[in-house]
């Protein structure tokens, strides 16, 4: 993967994450991601996985690798969100507390590291 393709991948994953995590995330999803196996959390992850397909296609990732990559992304993304929601509930955090925002920011940082790892695999 060339440096230009790598930067394109980072930019496309940033846009994908913004759309899937902020524009397409419904109250139903937000309310249920902390319940393990709930369809709301699974729907959220499916949206992320589907939105990663055009990014990986733009980077010319072969189909078997594309499938493996989005499946790994789905498992990681689901468990990051579920873990964050469980910890937030256990600690009783609300948006007016500094710890809430620290946890929220940590969750988002870990998602970004996931995209870096996905690209790193394909840097060859």
N, C-alpha and C. Protein backbone atom coordinates (compact mmCIF):
# COMPACT_ATOMS: atom_id res chain seq x y z
N UNK A 1 0.86 -1.18 0.00
CA UNK A 1 0.00 0.00 0.00
C UNK A 1 0.90 1.23 0.00
N UNK A 2 0.64 2.13 -0.92
CA UNK A 2 1.43 3.34 -1.02
C UNK A 2 1.06 4.31 0.10
N UNK A 3 1.94 5.28 0.38
CA UNK A 3 1.57 6.29 1.40
C UNK A 3 0.27 7.02 1.05
N UNK A 4 0.06 7.28 -0.23
CA UNK A 4 -1.19 7.94 -0.63
C UNK A 4 -2.40 7.08 -0.37
N UNK A 5 -2.29 5.79 -0.65
CA UNK A 5 -3.41 4.87 -0.38
C UNK A 5 -3.66 4.76 1.11
N UNK A 6 -2.60 4.75 1.88
CA UNK A 6 -2.74 4.69 3.34
C UNK A 6 -3.49 5.91 3.87
N UNK A 7 -3.10 7.09 3.41
CA UNK A 7 -3.80 8.31 3.84
C UNK A 7 -5.24 8.32 3.36
N UNK A 8 -5.48 7.85 2.14
CA UNK A 8 -6.85 7.74 1.65
C UNK A 8 -7.65 6.81 2.54
N UNK A 9 -7.06 5.68 2.92
CA UNK A 9 -7.74 4.73 3.80
C UNK A 9 -8.10 5.34 5.14
N UNK A 10 -7.16 6.07 5.73
CA UNK A 10 -7.43 6.73 7.01
C UNK A 10 -8.59 7.72 6.85
N UNK A 11 -8.54 8.54 5.80
CA UNK A 11 -9.59 9.54 5.59
C UNK A 11 -10.95 8.86 5.37
N UNK A 12 -10.97 7.83 4.56
CA UNK A 12 -12.24 7.14 4.29
C UNK A 12 -12.79 6.46 5.54
N UNK A 13 -11.92 5.87 6.35
CA UNK A 13 -12.40 5.25 7.60
C UNK A 13 -12.91 6.31 8.57
N UNK A 14 -12.29 7.49 8.59
CA UNK A 14 -12.78 8.57 9.45
C UNK A 14 -14.19 8.99 9.05
N UNK A 15 -14.40 9.16 7.76
CA UNK A 15 -15.73 9.54 7.26
C UNK A 15 -16.73 8.42 7.56
N UNK A 16 -16.34 7.18 7.29
CA UNK A 16 -17.20 6.03 7.55
C UNK A 16 -17.60 5.98 9.01
N UNK A 17 -16.65 6.19 9.91
CA UNK A 17 -16.93 6.14 11.34
C UNK A 17 -17.90 7.26 11.74
N UNK A 18 -17.68 8.45 11.23
CA UNK A 18 -18.57 9.57 11.53
C UNK A 18 -20.00 9.25 11.10
N UNK A 19 -20.16 8.76 9.89
CA UNK A 19 -21.50 8.46 9.38
C UNK A 19 -22.15 7.35 10.21
N UNK A 20 -21.42 6.25 10.44
CA UNK A 20 -22.01 5.10 11.14
C UNK A 20 -22.23 5.36 12.62
N UNK A 21 -21.32 6.10 13.26
CA UNK A 21 -21.42 6.29 14.71
C UNK A 21 -22.24 7.51 15.12
N UNK A 22 -22.37 8.48 14.23
CA UNK A 22 -23.07 9.71 14.61
C UNK A 22 -24.32 9.97 13.78
N UNK A 23 -24.27 9.78 12.49
CA UNK A 23 -25.43 10.09 11.66
C UNK A 23 -26.44 8.95 11.61
N UNK A 24 -25.98 7.71 11.65
CA UNK A 24 -26.87 6.56 11.50
C UNK A 24 -27.18 5.83 12.80
N UNK A 25 -26.70 6.31 13.90
CA UNK A 25 -26.93 5.62 15.17
C UNK A 25 -28.23 6.13 15.80
N UNK A 26 -29.21 5.26 15.88
CA UNK A 26 -30.53 5.63 16.39
C UNK A 26 -30.59 5.49 17.91
N UNK A 27 -31.68 6.03 18.47
CA UNK A 27 -31.92 5.89 19.91
C UNK A 27 -32.03 4.41 20.28
N UNK A 28 -32.64 3.62 19.41
CA UNK A 28 -32.78 2.18 19.62
C UNK A 28 -31.41 1.53 19.80
N UNK A 29 -30.47 1.88 18.93
CA UNK A 29 -29.12 1.32 19.03
C UNK A 29 -28.44 1.80 20.31
N UNK A 30 -28.46 3.10 20.55
CA UNK A 30 -27.80 3.67 21.72
C UNK A 30 -28.36 3.06 23.00
N UNK A 31 -29.65 2.83 23.05
CA UNK A 31 -30.29 2.31 24.25
C UNK A 31 -30.00 0.85 24.52
N UNK A 32 -29.52 0.12 23.51
CA UNK A 32 -29.42 -1.33 23.66
C UNK A 32 -28.03 -1.92 23.43
N UNK A 33 -27.03 -1.10 23.14
CA UNK A 33 -25.69 -1.64 22.89
C UNK A 33 -25.08 -2.29 24.12
N UNK A 34 -25.54 -1.92 25.30
CA UNK A 34 -25.00 -2.48 26.53
C UNK A 34 -25.63 -3.82 26.92
N UNK A 35 -26.59 -4.29 26.13
CA UNK A 35 -27.23 -5.59 26.38
C UNK A 35 -26.63 -6.60 25.41
N UNK A 36 -25.85 -7.50 25.91
CA UNK A 36 -25.09 -8.42 25.05
C UNK A 36 -26.01 -9.23 24.16
N UNK A 37 -25.73 -9.19 22.86
CA UNK A 37 -26.49 -9.94 21.88
C UNK A 37 -27.77 -9.27 21.42
N UNK A 38 -28.08 -8.08 21.94
CA UNK A 38 -29.30 -7.39 21.56
C UNK A 38 -29.22 -6.98 20.08
N UNK A 39 -30.33 -7.09 19.36
CA UNK A 39 -30.33 -6.72 17.95
C UNK A 39 -29.89 -5.27 17.68
N UNK A 40 -30.11 -4.37 18.63
CA UNK A 40 -29.68 -2.98 18.43
C UNK A 40 -28.17 -2.87 18.28
N UNK A 41 -27.43 -3.54 19.14
CA UNK A 41 -25.98 -3.53 19.04
C UNK A 41 -25.49 -4.25 17.81
N UNK A 42 -26.16 -5.35 17.46
CA UNK A 42 -25.78 -6.09 16.25
C UNK A 42 -26.05 -5.27 14.99
N UNK A 43 -27.16 -4.52 14.98
CA UNK A 43 -27.48 -3.64 13.86
C UNK A 43 -26.39 -2.58 13.70
N UNK A 44 -25.98 -1.99 14.81
CA UNK A 44 -24.94 -0.96 14.76
C UNK A 44 -23.65 -1.50 14.15
N UNK A 45 -23.26 -2.69 14.57
CA UNK A 45 -22.04 -3.30 14.06
C UNK A 45 -22.20 -3.66 12.58
N UNK A 46 -23.38 -4.13 12.20
CA UNK A 46 -23.62 -4.46 10.79
C UNK A 46 -23.49 -3.22 9.91
N UNK A 47 -23.96 -2.08 10.41
CA UNK A 47 -23.81 -0.82 9.67
C UNK A 47 -22.34 -0.49 9.50
N UNK A 48 -21.57 -0.61 10.57
CA UNK A 48 -20.13 -0.35 10.48
C UNK A 48 -19.45 -1.28 9.49
N UNK A 49 -19.79 -2.56 9.57
CA UNK A 49 -19.17 -3.54 8.67
C UNK A 49 -19.52 -3.24 7.21
N UNK A 50 -20.79 -2.97 6.95
CA UNK A 50 -21.21 -2.66 5.58
C UNK A 50 -20.54 -1.40 5.06
N UNK A 51 -20.38 -0.41 5.93
CA UNK A 51 -19.75 0.85 5.50
C UNK A 51 -18.25 0.69 5.27
N UNK A 52 -17.64 -0.34 5.83
CA UNK A 52 -16.23 -0.59 5.59
C UNK A 52 -15.96 -1.23 4.24
N UNK A 53 -16.97 -1.88 3.67
CA UNK A 53 -16.78 -2.56 2.39
C UNK A 53 -16.31 -1.60 1.29
N UNK A 54 -16.99 -0.46 1.05
CA UNK A 54 -16.50 0.42 -0.01
C UNK A 54 -15.10 0.99 0.27
N UNK A 55 -14.78 1.18 1.54
CA UNK A 55 -13.43 1.67 1.88
C UNK A 55 -12.40 0.63 1.46
N UNK A 56 -12.62 -0.61 1.84
CA UNK A 56 -11.67 -1.67 1.51
C UNK A 56 -11.63 -1.94 0.01
N UNK A 57 -12.77 -1.81 -0.67
CA UNK A 57 -12.77 -1.96 -2.13
C UNK A 57 -11.96 -0.84 -2.79
N UNK A 58 -12.09 0.38 -2.27
CA UNK A 58 -11.33 1.51 -2.82
C UNK A 58 -9.83 1.28 -2.66
N UNK A 59 -9.45 0.51 -1.66
CA UNK A 59 -8.03 0.20 -1.43
C UNK A 59 -7.60 -1.08 -2.14
N UNK A 60 -8.49 -1.65 -2.93
CA UNK A 60 -8.21 -2.85 -3.72
C UNK A 60 -7.85 -4.06 -2.86
N UNK A 61 -8.50 -4.19 -1.72
CA UNK A 61 -8.29 -5.36 -0.86
C UNK A 61 -9.02 -6.54 -1.50
N UNK A 62 -8.34 -7.68 -1.67
CA UNK A 62 -8.99 -8.84 -2.29
C UNK A 62 -10.18 -9.33 -1.45
N UNK A 63 -11.16 -9.90 -2.12
CA UNK A 63 -12.42 -10.30 -1.46
C UNK A 63 -12.23 -11.17 -0.22
N UNK A 64 -11.41 -12.23 -0.24
CA UNK A 64 -11.25 -13.02 0.99
C UNK A 64 -10.69 -12.18 2.16
N UNK A 65 -9.75 -11.33 1.86
CA UNK A 65 -9.18 -10.46 2.90
C UNK A 65 -10.17 -9.42 3.37
N UNK A 66 -10.97 -8.91 2.44
CA UNK A 66 -12.00 -7.94 2.79
C UNK A 66 -13.00 -8.56 3.76
N UNK A 67 -13.44 -9.76 3.46
CA UNK A 67 -14.41 -10.44 4.34
C UNK A 67 -13.81 -10.68 5.72
N UNK A 68 -12.58 -11.19 5.76
CA UNK A 68 -11.92 -11.44 7.05
C UNK A 68 -11.75 -10.15 7.84
N UNK A 69 -11.39 -9.08 7.14
CA UNK A 69 -11.16 -7.79 7.80
C UNK A 69 -12.44 -7.25 8.41
N UNK A 70 -13.55 -7.28 7.66
CA UNK A 70 -14.78 -6.71 8.22
C UNK A 70 -15.35 -7.60 9.33
N UNK A 71 -15.14 -8.91 9.24
CA UNK A 71 -15.59 -9.77 10.35
C UNK A 71 -14.82 -9.46 11.63
N UNK A 72 -13.51 -9.29 11.50
CA UNK A 72 -12.70 -8.91 12.68
C UNK A 72 -13.12 -7.55 13.21
N UNK A 73 -13.35 -6.60 12.29
CA UNK A 73 -13.80 -5.29 12.73
C UNK A 73 -15.10 -5.39 13.50
N UNK A 74 -16.03 -6.21 13.00
CA UNK A 74 -17.32 -6.35 13.66
C UNK A 74 -17.19 -6.88 15.08
N UNK A 75 -16.37 -7.90 15.26
CA UNK A 75 -16.17 -8.48 16.60
C UNK A 75 -15.56 -7.44 17.54
N UNK A 76 -14.53 -6.76 17.07
CA UNK A 76 -13.86 -5.77 17.92
C UNK A 76 -14.79 -4.60 18.22
N UNK A 77 -15.44 -4.06 17.20
CA UNK A 77 -16.31 -2.90 17.41
C UNK A 77 -17.44 -3.23 18.38
N UNK A 78 -18.06 -4.39 18.18
CA UNK A 78 -19.16 -4.78 19.06
C UNK A 78 -18.72 -4.82 20.52
N UNK A 79 -17.60 -5.44 20.77
CA UNK A 79 -17.15 -5.61 22.15
C UNK A 79 -16.63 -4.31 22.76
N UNK A 80 -16.05 -3.43 21.95
CA UNK A 80 -15.67 -2.11 22.48
C UNK A 80 -16.91 -1.35 22.93
N UNK A 81 -17.93 -1.32 22.08
CA UNK A 81 -19.16 -0.59 22.43
C UNK A 81 -19.87 -1.22 23.62
N UNK A 82 -19.98 -2.53 23.61
CA UNK A 82 -20.65 -3.21 24.71
C UNK A 82 -19.90 -2.97 26.03
N UNK A 83 -18.58 -3.09 26.00
CA UNK A 83 -17.78 -2.87 27.20
C UNK A 83 -17.90 -1.45 27.72
N UNK A 84 -17.86 -0.48 26.81
CA UNK A 84 -18.01 0.92 27.22
C UNK A 84 -19.37 1.15 27.85
N UNK A 85 -20.41 0.64 27.24
CA UNK A 85 -21.75 0.85 27.79
C UNK A 85 -21.93 0.17 29.14
N UNK A 86 -21.37 -1.03 29.30
CA UNK A 86 -21.47 -1.73 30.58
C UNK A 86 -20.73 -0.96 31.67
N UNK A 87 -19.53 -0.49 31.36
CA UNK A 87 -18.75 0.26 32.35
C UNK A 87 -19.45 1.57 32.70
N UNK A 88 -19.96 2.24 31.69
CA UNK A 88 -20.69 3.49 31.93
C UNK A 88 -21.88 3.26 32.85
N UNK A 89 -22.62 2.20 32.62
CA UNK A 89 -23.78 1.88 33.46
C UNK A 89 -23.35 1.49 34.87
N UNK A 90 -22.31 0.67 34.96
CA UNK A 90 -21.84 0.21 36.27
C UNK A 90 -21.38 1.39 37.13
N UNK A 91 -20.74 2.37 36.49
CA UNK A 91 -20.25 3.53 37.23
C UNK A 91 -21.30 4.62 37.36
N UNK A 92 -22.44 4.45 36.69
CA UNK A 92 -23.50 5.45 36.76
C UNK A 92 -23.10 6.79 36.15
N UNK A 93 -22.34 6.74 35.08
CA UNK A 93 -21.83 7.97 34.49
C UNK A 93 -22.87 8.67 33.63
N UNK A 94 -22.88 9.99 33.69
CA UNK A 94 -23.74 10.81 32.85
C UNK A 94 -22.89 11.84 32.13
N UNK A 95 -23.49 12.49 31.17
CA UNK A 95 -22.75 13.42 30.31
C UNK A 95 -22.21 14.64 31.04
N UNK A 96 -22.61 14.87 32.26
CA UNK A 96 -22.10 16.02 33.00
C UNK A 96 -20.85 15.68 33.82
N UNK A 97 -20.44 14.42 33.75
CA UNK A 97 -19.27 14.00 34.53
C UNK A 97 -18.04 13.87 33.62
N UNK A 98 -16.93 14.28 34.16
CA UNK A 98 -15.67 14.21 33.42
C UNK A 98 -15.33 12.76 33.06
N UNK A 99 -15.60 11.82 33.94
CA UNK A 99 -15.29 10.41 33.69
C UNK A 99 -16.09 9.87 32.50
N UNK A 100 -17.30 10.36 32.30
CA UNK A 100 -18.09 9.95 31.15
C UNK A 100 -17.34 10.29 29.86
N UNK A 101 -16.84 11.52 29.79
CA UNK A 101 -16.17 11.97 28.57
C UNK A 101 -14.82 11.29 28.39
N UNK A 102 -14.17 10.97 29.49
CA UNK A 102 -12.91 10.22 29.39
C UNK A 102 -13.18 8.83 28.82
N UNK A 103 -14.25 8.19 29.30
CA UNK A 103 -14.61 6.87 28.79
C UNK A 103 -15.06 6.95 27.33
N UNK A 104 -15.85 7.94 27.00
CA UNK A 104 -16.30 8.14 25.62
C UNK A 104 -15.11 8.35 24.69
N UNK A 105 -14.19 9.20 25.09
CA UNK A 105 -13.00 9.46 24.29
C UNK A 105 -12.12 8.24 24.14
N UNK A 106 -11.99 7.45 25.21
CA UNK A 106 -11.21 6.21 25.13
C UNK A 106 -11.84 5.25 24.14
N UNK A 107 -13.15 5.12 24.17
CA UNK A 107 -13.87 4.27 23.22
C UNK A 107 -13.60 4.71 21.78
N UNK A 108 -13.70 6.00 21.53
CA UNK A 108 -13.47 6.51 20.17
C UNK A 108 -12.01 6.30 19.74
N UNK A 109 -11.07 6.51 20.66
CA UNK A 109 -9.66 6.29 20.35
C UNK A 109 -9.41 4.82 19.98
N UNK A 110 -10.01 3.91 20.73
CA UNK A 110 -9.83 2.49 20.44
C UNK A 110 -10.44 2.12 19.08
N UNK A 111 -11.54 2.75 18.71
CA UNK A 111 -12.10 2.52 17.38
C UNK A 111 -11.12 3.00 16.30
N UNK A 112 -10.50 4.15 16.53
CA UNK A 112 -9.54 4.67 15.55
C UNK A 112 -8.33 3.74 15.44
N UNK A 113 -7.87 3.21 16.58
CA UNK A 113 -6.76 2.25 16.55
C UNK A 113 -7.16 0.99 15.77
N UNK A 114 -8.42 0.62 15.81
CA UNK A 114 -8.90 -0.52 15.03
C UNK A 114 -8.69 -0.26 13.55
N UNK A 115 -9.03 0.95 13.10
CA UNK A 115 -8.84 1.28 11.68
C UNK A 115 -7.37 1.28 11.30
N UNK A 116 -6.53 1.79 12.19
CA UNK A 116 -5.09 1.77 11.93
C UNK A 116 -4.60 0.32 11.81
N UNK A 117 -5.07 -0.56 12.69
CA UNK A 117 -4.69 -1.96 12.63
C UNK A 117 -5.17 -2.60 11.33
N UNK A 118 -6.39 -2.28 10.92
CA UNK A 118 -6.92 -2.83 9.67
C UNK A 118 -6.06 -2.41 8.49
N UNK A 119 -5.63 -1.16 8.46
CA UNK A 119 -4.77 -0.69 7.38
C UNK A 119 -3.37 -1.27 7.48
N UNK A 120 -2.87 -1.41 8.67
CA UNK A 120 -1.55 -1.96 8.88
C UNK A 120 -1.43 -3.37 8.31
N UNK A 121 -2.47 -4.16 8.49
CA UNK A 121 -2.48 -5.52 7.96
C UNK A 121 -2.26 -5.51 6.45
N UNK A 122 -2.81 -4.51 5.77
CA UNK A 122 -2.76 -4.47 4.31
C UNK A 122 -1.61 -3.64 3.76
N UNK A 123 -0.75 -3.12 4.64
CA UNK A 123 0.39 -2.32 4.14
C UNK A 123 1.43 -3.17 3.44
N UNK A 124 1.45 -4.46 3.76
CA UNK A 124 2.34 -5.40 3.10
C UNK A 124 3.75 -5.06 3.29
